[in-house]
Protein backbone atom coordinates (compact mmCIF):
# COMPACT_ATOMS: atom_id res chain seq x y z
CA MET A 1 29.45 36.70 0.78
CA ARG A 2 25.75 36.93 1.64
CA GLN A 3 24.36 37.37 5.16
CA ILE A 4 24.13 34.32 7.41
CA SER A 5 21.12 32.23 6.43
CA ASN A 6 20.51 28.53 7.13
CA PRO A 7 17.34 26.42 7.09
CA PRO A 8 16.56 24.58 10.37
CA ASN A 9 18.85 21.60 10.90
CA PRO A 10 16.74 18.40 11.15
CA PHE A 11 19.40 16.84 13.39
CA GLU A 12 19.16 19.64 15.96
CA SER A 13 16.37 19.77 18.55
CA ARG A 14 16.17 23.55 18.41
CA HIS A 15 17.30 26.53 16.38
CA ARG A 16 17.69 30.23 17.05
CA GLU A 17 15.64 33.08 15.64
CA LEU A 18 17.64 36.31 15.37
CA LEU A 19 16.00 39.52 16.59
CA GLU A 20 17.94 41.67 14.13
CA PRO A 21 19.45 41.23 10.66
CA SER A 22 22.23 38.66 10.64
CA ALA A 23 25.84 39.53 9.95
CA SER A 24 27.93 38.35 7.04
CA PRO A 25 29.59 34.99 7.75
CA GLN A 26 33.32 34.72 8.33
CA LEU A 27 35.30 31.87 6.83
CA MET A 28 36.14 29.33 9.54
CA VAL A 29 38.24 26.18 9.15
CA TYR A 30 37.74 23.04 11.24
CA THR A 31 39.79 19.85 11.44
CA ASP A 32 38.30 16.42 10.84
CA GLU A 33 40.30 13.75 12.64
CA THR A 34 38.74 10.93 10.68
CA ARG A 35 40.50 7.56 10.63
CA GLU A 36 39.29 6.65 7.14
CA ILE A 37 39.59 8.67 3.93
CA LEU A 38 37.88 6.47 1.35
CA SER A 39 34.11 6.91 1.07
CA ARG A 40 32.24 3.92 -0.28
CA ASN A 41 29.43 4.61 -2.70
CA ASP A 42 26.72 1.96 -2.66
CA SER A 43 24.45 3.74 -5.13
CA PRO A 44 23.86 1.54 -8.20
CA ASP A 45 23.25 4.56 -10.46
CA LEU A 46 26.72 6.09 -10.05
CA PRO A 47 29.66 4.77 -12.12
CA PHE A 48 32.18 4.55 -9.27
CA ARG A 49 32.46 2.88 -5.88
CA TRP A 50 35.18 4.85 -4.08
CA SER A 51 35.76 8.56 -3.57
CA VAL A 52 38.12 10.81 -1.63
CA ASN A 53 36.81 14.06 -0.14
CA PRO A 54 39.64 16.11 1.44
CA TYR A 55 37.18 18.85 2.45
CA ARG A 56 33.63 19.10 3.78
CA GLY A 57 31.67 22.19 2.88
CA CYS A 58 32.53 24.25 -0.21
CA PHE A 59 33.42 27.91 -0.65
CA HIS A 60 31.99 27.94 -4.20
CA ALA A 61 28.50 28.44 -2.68
CA CYS A 62 26.55 26.89 -5.57
CA ALA A 63 22.82 27.29 -4.88
CA TYR A 64 22.06 23.77 -6.15
CA CYS A 65 24.80 21.73 -4.45
CA TYR A 66 23.44 18.32 -3.44
CA ALA A 67 26.11 18.06 -0.72
CA ARG A 68 24.61 20.87 1.38
CA PRO A 69 22.46 18.62 3.63
CA SER A 70 25.54 16.52 4.54
CA HIS A 71 26.90 19.56 6.43
CA GLU A 72 24.05 19.22 8.89
CA TYR A 73 25.54 15.99 10.25
CA TRP A 74 28.22 18.22 11.81
CA GLY A 75 25.69 20.47 13.51
CA PHE A 76 26.14 23.13 10.83
CA GLY A 77 23.53 24.60 8.50
CA ALA A 78 23.00 23.79 4.83
CA GLY A 79 22.99 27.47 3.84
CA THR A 80 25.79 29.94 4.49
CA ASP A 81 27.41 27.53 6.98
CA PHE A 82 28.09 25.19 4.08
CA GLU A 83 30.26 27.72 2.26
CA SER A 84 31.83 29.45 5.27
CA LYS A 85 32.56 26.60 7.71
CA ILE A 86 34.99 24.33 5.89
CA VAL A 87 36.17 21.07 7.43
CA VAL A 88 39.67 19.94 6.49
CA LYS A 89 40.95 16.36 6.60
CA ASP A 90 44.61 17.07 7.37
CA ASP A 91 45.56 13.41 7.52
CA ALA A 92 44.03 12.47 4.17
CA PRO A 93 47.28 11.64 2.27
CA ARG A 94 48.63 9.39 5.04
CA LEU A 95 45.31 7.62 5.41
CA LEU A 96 45.10 7.01 1.66
CA ARG A 97 48.62 5.57 1.56
CA GLN A 98 47.73 3.38 4.52
CA GLN A 99 44.66 2.09 2.64
CA PHE A 100 46.72 1.30 -0.45
CA GLU A 101 49.11 -0.79 1.64
CA LYS A 102 46.30 -3.12 2.72
CA ALA A 103 46.26 -6.43 0.88
CA SER A 104 42.50 -6.08 0.51
CA TRP A 105 42.73 -2.95 -1.68
CA PRO A 106 42.02 -4.04 -5.29
CA GLY A 107 43.25 -0.92 -7.07
CA GLU A 108 39.86 0.39 -8.18
CA LEU A 109 39.04 3.81 -9.60
CA ILE A 110 38.95 6.61 -7.01
CA VAL A 111 36.97 9.78 -7.70
CA PHE A 112 37.95 13.21 -6.36
CA SER A 113 35.45 14.24 -5.04
CA GLY A 114 32.11 12.56 -4.66
CA ASN A 115 30.86 15.29 -2.35
CA THR A 116 32.44 18.78 -2.35
CA ASP A 117 34.96 20.28 -4.77
CA CYS A 118 38.50 19.04 -4.19
CA TYR A 119 39.87 22.19 -5.88
CA GLN A 120 37.97 24.83 -3.95
CA PRO A 121 40.13 27.84 -2.94
CA ILE A 122 41.30 26.41 0.40
CA GLU A 123 43.20 23.73 -1.55
CA ALA A 124 45.70 26.42 -2.62
CA GLU A 125 46.88 26.61 1.00
CA TYR A 126 46.42 23.05 2.26
CA GLY A 127 47.36 21.05 -0.85
CA LEU A 128 45.57 17.92 0.35
CA THR A 129 44.18 17.08 -3.09
CA ARG A 130 47.62 17.33 -4.65
CA ASP A 131 49.18 15.16 -1.94
CA CYS A 132 46.44 12.53 -2.32
CA LEU A 133 46.86 12.53 -6.10
CA GLN A 134 50.59 12.01 -5.62
CA VAL A 135 49.83 8.96 -3.47
CA CYS A 136 47.62 7.64 -6.29
CA ALA A 137 50.43 8.26 -8.78
CA ASP A 138 52.95 6.48 -6.55
CA TYR A 139 50.68 3.43 -6.45
CA ARG A 140 49.50 3.78 -10.06
CA ASN A 141 45.87 3.86 -8.94
CA PRO A 142 43.31 5.10 -11.52
CA VAL A 143 41.77 8.49 -10.74
CA GLY A 144 38.73 10.49 -11.81
CA ILE A 145 38.33 14.17 -10.91
CA ILE A 146 35.21 16.33 -10.90
CA THR A 147 35.83 20.04 -10.34
CA LYS A 148 34.97 23.65 -11.07
CA GLY A 149 38.41 24.76 -9.95
CA ALA A 150 41.01 26.19 -12.33
CA LEU A 151 43.53 25.35 -9.58
CA VAL A 152 43.71 21.87 -11.08
CA LEU A 153 46.29 23.30 -13.52
CA ARG A 154 48.76 23.59 -10.63
CA ASP A 155 48.90 19.79 -10.47
CA LEU A 156 49.58 19.17 -14.15
CA ASP A 157 52.84 17.35 -13.32
CA VAL A 158 51.06 14.82 -11.09
CA LEU A 159 48.23 14.41 -13.59
CA MET A 160 50.75 13.67 -16.34
CA GLN A 161 52.37 11.03 -14.14
CA LEU A 162 48.96 9.44 -13.59
CA GLN A 163 48.22 9.56 -17.31
CA HIS A 164 51.53 7.90 -18.20
CA GLU A 165 51.59 5.23 -15.49
CA ALA A 166 47.94 4.65 -14.56
CA TRP A 167 44.70 6.32 -15.75
CA VAL A 168 43.13 9.73 -15.16
CA LEU A 169 40.11 11.68 -16.40
CA VAL A 170 39.24 15.26 -15.36
CA TYR A 171 35.61 16.31 -15.60
CA PHE A 172 34.85 20.02 -15.44
CA SER A 173 31.45 20.83 -13.98
CA ILE A 174 30.04 23.53 -16.30
CA PRO A 175 26.23 23.90 -16.26
CA PHE A 176 25.99 27.40 -17.77
CA ALA A 177 27.26 28.99 -20.97
CA SER A 178 27.28 32.54 -19.59
CA ASP A 179 29.66 33.91 -16.96
CA GLU A 180 26.94 36.31 -15.85
CA MET A 181 24.38 33.54 -15.33
CA ALA A 182 26.87 31.32 -13.53
CA ARG A 183 27.86 34.10 -11.15
CA LYS A 184 24.28 34.33 -9.90
CA VAL A 185 24.03 30.60 -9.15
CA GLU A 186 27.69 29.73 -8.39
CA PRO A 187 28.78 33.06 -6.87
CA GLN A 188 32.24 32.07 -5.60
CA ALA A 189 33.28 29.50 -8.22
CA PRO A 190 35.74 30.27 -11.04
CA SER A 191 34.10 31.76 -14.12
CA ILE A 192 32.90 29.61 -17.01
CA THR A 193 35.61 31.21 -19.15
CA LYS A 194 38.32 30.11 -16.70
CA ARG A 195 36.94 26.57 -16.56
CA PHE A 196 37.01 26.16 -20.33
CA SER A 197 40.52 27.66 -20.40
CA ALA A 198 41.68 25.13 -17.80
CA MET A 199 40.03 22.32 -19.76
CA LYS A 200 41.91 23.31 -22.91
CA ALA A 201 45.22 23.60 -21.08
CA LEU A 202 44.88 20.10 -19.63
CA SER A 203 43.71 18.65 -22.95
CA ASP A 204 46.61 20.26 -24.81
CA ALA A 205 48.96 18.65 -22.27
CA GLY A 206 47.50 15.21 -23.04
CA ILE A 207 45.24 14.85 -19.99
CA PRO A 208 41.83 13.35 -20.91
CA THR A 209 39.02 15.76 -20.04
CA GLY A 210 35.23 15.80 -20.05
CA ILE A 211 32.32 18.10 -19.32
CA SER A 212 29.61 17.49 -16.76
CA ILE A 213 26.52 19.59 -17.48
CA ALA A 214 25.12 19.22 -14.02
CA PRO A 215 22.69 20.02 -12.85
CA ILE A 216 20.16 20.56 -15.60
CA ILE A 217 17.79 23.15 -14.09
CA PRO A 218 14.64 23.05 -16.26
CA GLY A 219 13.51 26.50 -17.24
CA LEU A 220 16.99 27.96 -16.75
CA ASN A 221 19.90 26.23 -18.49
CA GLU A 222 18.66 23.48 -20.84
CA ASP A 223 19.05 25.82 -23.82
CA ASP A 224 22.77 26.10 -23.00
CA ILE A 225 23.42 22.42 -23.76
CA PRO A 226 24.44 22.73 -27.45
CA GLU A 227 26.81 25.66 -26.84
CA LEU A 228 28.38 23.96 -23.82
CA LEU A 229 29.06 20.76 -25.76
CA ASP A 230 30.49 22.65 -28.73
CA ARG A 231 32.82 24.68 -26.50
CA ALA A 232 33.87 21.61 -24.52
CA TYR A 233 34.74 19.62 -27.63
CA GLY A 234 36.66 22.62 -28.97
CA ALA A 235 38.58 22.73 -25.67
CA GLY A 236 39.60 19.08 -26.06
CA ALA A 237 36.95 17.25 -24.01
CA ARG A 238 36.10 13.82 -25.39
CA THR A 239 33.43 12.72 -22.94
CA ALA A 240 30.25 14.45 -21.74
CA THR A 241 27.56 13.75 -19.21
CA GLN A 242 24.52 15.47 -17.71
CA SER A 243 22.12 14.97 -14.80
CA LEU A 244 18.94 16.54 -13.50
CA LEU A 245 18.76 18.84 -10.47
CA ARG A 246 18.10 17.10 -7.13
CA LEU A 247 16.68 19.01 -4.17
CA SER A 248 17.10 16.63 -1.25
CA GLY A 249 16.31 17.65 2.33
CA SER A 250 17.24 21.20 3.33
CA LEU A 251 18.67 21.93 -0.12
CA GLU A 252 15.18 22.70 -1.40
CA ALA A 253 14.81 25.66 0.98
CA VAL A 254 18.28 27.01 0.14
CA PHE A 255 17.74 26.63 -3.60
CA ARG A 256 14.32 28.25 -3.67
CA ASP A 257 15.51 31.16 -1.54
CA ARG A 258 18.61 31.88 -3.58
CA MET A 259 17.09 31.29 -7.00
CA GLY A 260 14.09 33.41 -6.09
CA GLU A 261 16.46 36.22 -5.19
CA ALA A 262 18.58 35.83 -8.33
CA PHE A 263 15.76 35.14 -10.79
CA PRO A 264 12.50 36.50 -9.34
CA GLU A 265 10.87 36.48 -12.77
CA ARG A 266 11.89 32.86 -13.53
CA ILE A 267 11.62 30.98 -10.25
CA GLY A 268 7.98 30.11 -10.96
CA LYS A 269 8.89 28.65 -14.35
CA ILE A 270 11.80 26.70 -12.87
CA THR A 271 9.71 25.08 -10.12
CA ASN A 272 6.82 24.35 -12.49
CA ARG A 273 9.12 22.71 -15.04
CA LEU A 274 10.80 20.70 -12.31
CA ARG A 275 7.47 19.44 -11.01
CA GLU A 276 6.46 18.57 -14.56
CA ILE A 277 9.44 16.27 -15.09
CA ARG A 278 9.47 14.94 -11.52
CA GLY A 279 5.89 13.67 -11.63
CA GLY A 280 4.55 16.52 -9.50
CA SER A 281 7.39 16.62 -6.95
CA LEU A 282 10.46 18.83 -6.75
CA THR A 283 12.84 15.97 -6.08
CA GLU A 284 13.29 12.22 -6.28
CA SER A 285 15.48 10.05 -4.05
CA ARG A 286 15.01 6.60 -5.60
CA PHE A 287 17.95 4.97 -7.34
CA PHE A 288 17.98 5.15 -11.16
CA THR A 289 15.38 7.95 -11.19
CA ARG A 290 16.92 10.64 -8.98
CA GLN A 291 19.26 11.94 -11.70
CA VAL A 292 16.78 11.80 -14.58
CA GLY A 293 13.25 13.00 -15.20
CA GLN A 294 10.14 11.71 -16.91
CA GLY A 295 7.56 12.89 -19.38
CA PRO A 296 7.69 14.72 -22.72
CA TYR A 297 9.75 17.72 -21.60
CA TRP A 298 12.52 15.59 -20.09
CA GLU A 299 12.55 13.47 -23.24
CA LEU A 300 13.14 16.66 -25.25
CA ILE A 301 16.08 17.56 -23.00
CA GLU A 302 17.61 14.11 -23.40
CA GLN A 303 17.16 14.25 -27.18
CA LEU A 304 18.73 17.72 -27.27
CA PHE A 305 21.74 16.48 -25.30
CA ALA A 306 22.21 13.39 -27.48
CA LEU A 307 21.88 15.32 -30.75
CA ALA A 308 24.15 18.16 -29.62
CA LYS A 309 26.72 15.66 -28.39
CA ARG A 310 26.84 13.90 -31.76
CA ARG A 311 26.99 17.17 -33.70
CA ALA A 312 29.82 18.45 -31.51
CA GLY A 313 31.85 15.35 -32.40
CA PHE A 314 31.92 13.37 -29.15
CA PRO A 315 32.53 9.62 -29.65
CA GLU A 316 29.86 7.10 -28.74
CA ASP A 317 32.14 5.25 -26.32
CA ASP A 318 33.17 8.07 -24.00
CA MET A 319 35.67 6.58 -21.53
CA GLY A 320 36.47 3.05 -22.57
CA ALA A 321 37.69 0.47 -20.08
CA ILE A 322 39.73 1.54 -17.06
CA PRO A 323 42.96 -0.48 -17.00
CA GLN A 324 44.22 -2.40 -13.98
CA THR A 325 47.43 -0.51 -13.21
CA PHE A 326 47.65 -0.57 -9.40
CA HIS A 327 51.13 -1.45 -8.12
CA ARG A 328 52.69 -1.06 -4.69
CA PRO A 329 56.06 0.71 -4.83
CA GLY A 330 59.00 -1.58 -4.19
CA VAL A 331 57.00 -4.75 -4.90
CA GLU A 332 58.21 -6.63 -7.96
CA GLN A 333 55.43 -8.36 -9.86
CA GLY A 334 55.78 -12.11 -9.76
CA SER A 335 58.26 -12.13 -6.89
CA LEU A 336 57.66 -14.17 -3.76
CA PHE A 337 59.78 -11.80 -1.63
């Protein structure tokens, strides 16, 4: 793990300047005593409304993670604090079951996770993702999963129950074709090889899988798109998506620092390409434009993705309709009592 380094927190009135080199951070776990577990997404450019995030912060330490600035709400930093100070929602399974028992819950798709990875290493000890998935299986509530974690294989039995009685789709986040490249940008995440292996194992077991090539970092990984789609289809994925890098708030400082260190000869190209397809800026926060670019170079990337997706064999209709399967245990359909 790298030495402690965080950009100034905009929610703090002051920050400290160290007089000597900082130490390496130590992993620390905090408890979140939240009373609600479902996060509502009001963004019109995302395909889901509800998500469950059992953890805040993420040990994977991806340089580009859009969730980094959210750690500042806790008084932490968006840099090394984000990957070393992990907040755990111990009560997540009970709170989710409690939500499902409310008459107002319509049984909509829930995504694990909309913020940080639900299968980061700490899940091996706490098991909150597994317990929450079991609640979803008990109530036959449709589930989507986005992860880099090979640990998802541990929960194959629950995923199969969801597949048989409700609906489930597991997206693997894989933005690089090379293990060596990924290690520089996602230093503590499972290797690309392990992610594709996990994808194939789930697919072979009958669990629908997909690949999320996110983020696209212009000047770094757009040339990986055809290989990634070919490998994903070969591993059983039948849906694929991509989105452009976003550098909101303090993330820009973290990204530029870490990418400059990892790719000193390419950081200029990366930032120039990003400005080119962001209309002169490094980021965009407006709905419908924050995940895509503009201009000729972005059009080439979109065309490359579409062509490579067709050639790999992906169907035009990726997911299809999500069925209404929600059912409270012990409640007979059509009964008055």
